[in-house]
């Protein structure tokens, strides 16, 4: 019986933690997870800063064009 009490208490604590962390998301009409990705930051976009993945993709695309021109 002691283990059942511990498991129940743990479950209640975890449930309470999830509800408290997501209170704005669960209980508001326009609740959504915040976009913490660099590409979603307006201030960084205005400065021309992208995430590493986007910068890498652009660099590879530009280099591919240069390599094709050199081979011709």
Protein backbone atom coordinates (compact mmCIF):
# COMPACT_ATOMS: atom_id res chain seq x y z
CA UNK A 1 0.00 0.00 0.00
CA UNK A 2 2.88 2.36 0.66
CA UNK A 3 4.09 2.16 -2.96
CA UNK A 4 0.58 2.98 -4.24
CA UNK A 5 0.53 6.11 -2.09
CA UNK A 6 3.92 7.21 -3.45
CA UNK A 7 2.87 6.60 -7.06
CA UNK A 8 -0.40 8.51 -6.53
CA UNK A 9 1.40 11.45 -4.91
CA UNK A 10 3.96 11.53 -7.72
CA UNK A 11 1.24 11.50 -10.35
CA UNK A 12 -0.62 14.35 -8.65
CA UNK A 13 2.55 16.45 -8.37
CA UNK A 14 3.40 15.89 -12.06
CA UNK A 15 -0.15 16.71 -13.14
CA UNK A 16 -0.11 19.90 -11.08
CA UNK A 17 3.26 20.91 -12.53
CA UNK A 18 2.07 20.42 -16.13
CA UNK A 19 -1.10 22.40 -15.47
CA UNK A 20 0.77 25.27 -13.85
CA UNK A 21 3.37 25.43 -16.63
CA UNK A 22 0.69 25.42 -19.33
CA UNK A 23 -1.94 27.59 -17.68
CA UNK A 24 -1.85 30.26 -20.40
CA UNK A 25 -1.93 27.67 -23.17
CA UNK A 26 -4.73 25.54 -21.72
CA UNK A 27 -7.07 28.23 -20.41
CA UNK A 28 -6.98 31.07 -22.95
CA UNK A 29 -8.71 31.15 -26.31
CA UNK A 30 -5.59 32.05 -28.28
CA UNK A 31 -3.26 29.97 -26.17
CA UNK A 32 -0.31 28.60 -28.10
CA UNK A 33 3.26 27.69 -27.38
CA UNK A 34 5.67 30.59 -27.75
CA UNK A 35 7.92 30.57 -30.79
CA UNK A 36 11.41 30.62 -29.31
CA UNK A 37 13.12 29.80 -32.61
CA UNK A 38 15.52 32.46 -33.89
CA UNK A 39 13.63 32.65 -37.17
CA UNK A 40 10.49 33.74 -35.32
CA UNK A 41 12.15 36.68 -33.57
CA UNK A 42 11.19 39.97 -35.27
CA UNK A 43 14.14 41.93 -33.85
CA UNK A 44 16.68 39.44 -35.19
CA UNK A 45 14.90 39.25 -38.56
CA UNK A 46 15.13 43.02 -38.93
CA UNK A 47 18.90 42.76 -38.40
CA UNK A 48 19.15 39.99 -41.01
CA UNK A 49 20.06 37.27 -38.51
CA UNK A 50 18.77 33.76 -39.26
CA UNK A 51 19.14 30.46 -37.47
CA UNK A 52 22.17 28.30 -38.24
CA UNK A 53 20.13 25.86 -40.32
CA UNK A 54 18.77 28.61 -42.56
CA UNK A 55 22.18 30.23 -42.95
CA UNK A 56 23.70 26.85 -43.84
CA UNK A 57 20.99 26.16 -46.40
CA UNK A 58 21.54 29.58 -48.03
CA UNK A 59 25.33 29.10 -48.11
CA UNK A 60 25.04 25.66 -49.70
CA UNK A 61 22.61 26.97 -52.29
CA UNK A 62 24.92 29.87 -53.19
CA UNK A 63 27.99 27.63 -53.35
CA UNK A 64 26.15 25.13 -55.56
CA UNK A 65 25.47 27.92 -58.07
CA UNK A 66 29.11 29.02 -58.02
CA UNK A 67 30.38 25.46 -58.53
CA UNK A 68 28.02 24.95 -61.48
CA UNK A 69 29.30 28.16 -63.10
CA UNK A 70 32.94 27.10 -62.62
CA UNK A 71 32.32 23.68 -64.19
CA UNK A 72 30.82 25.24 -67.35
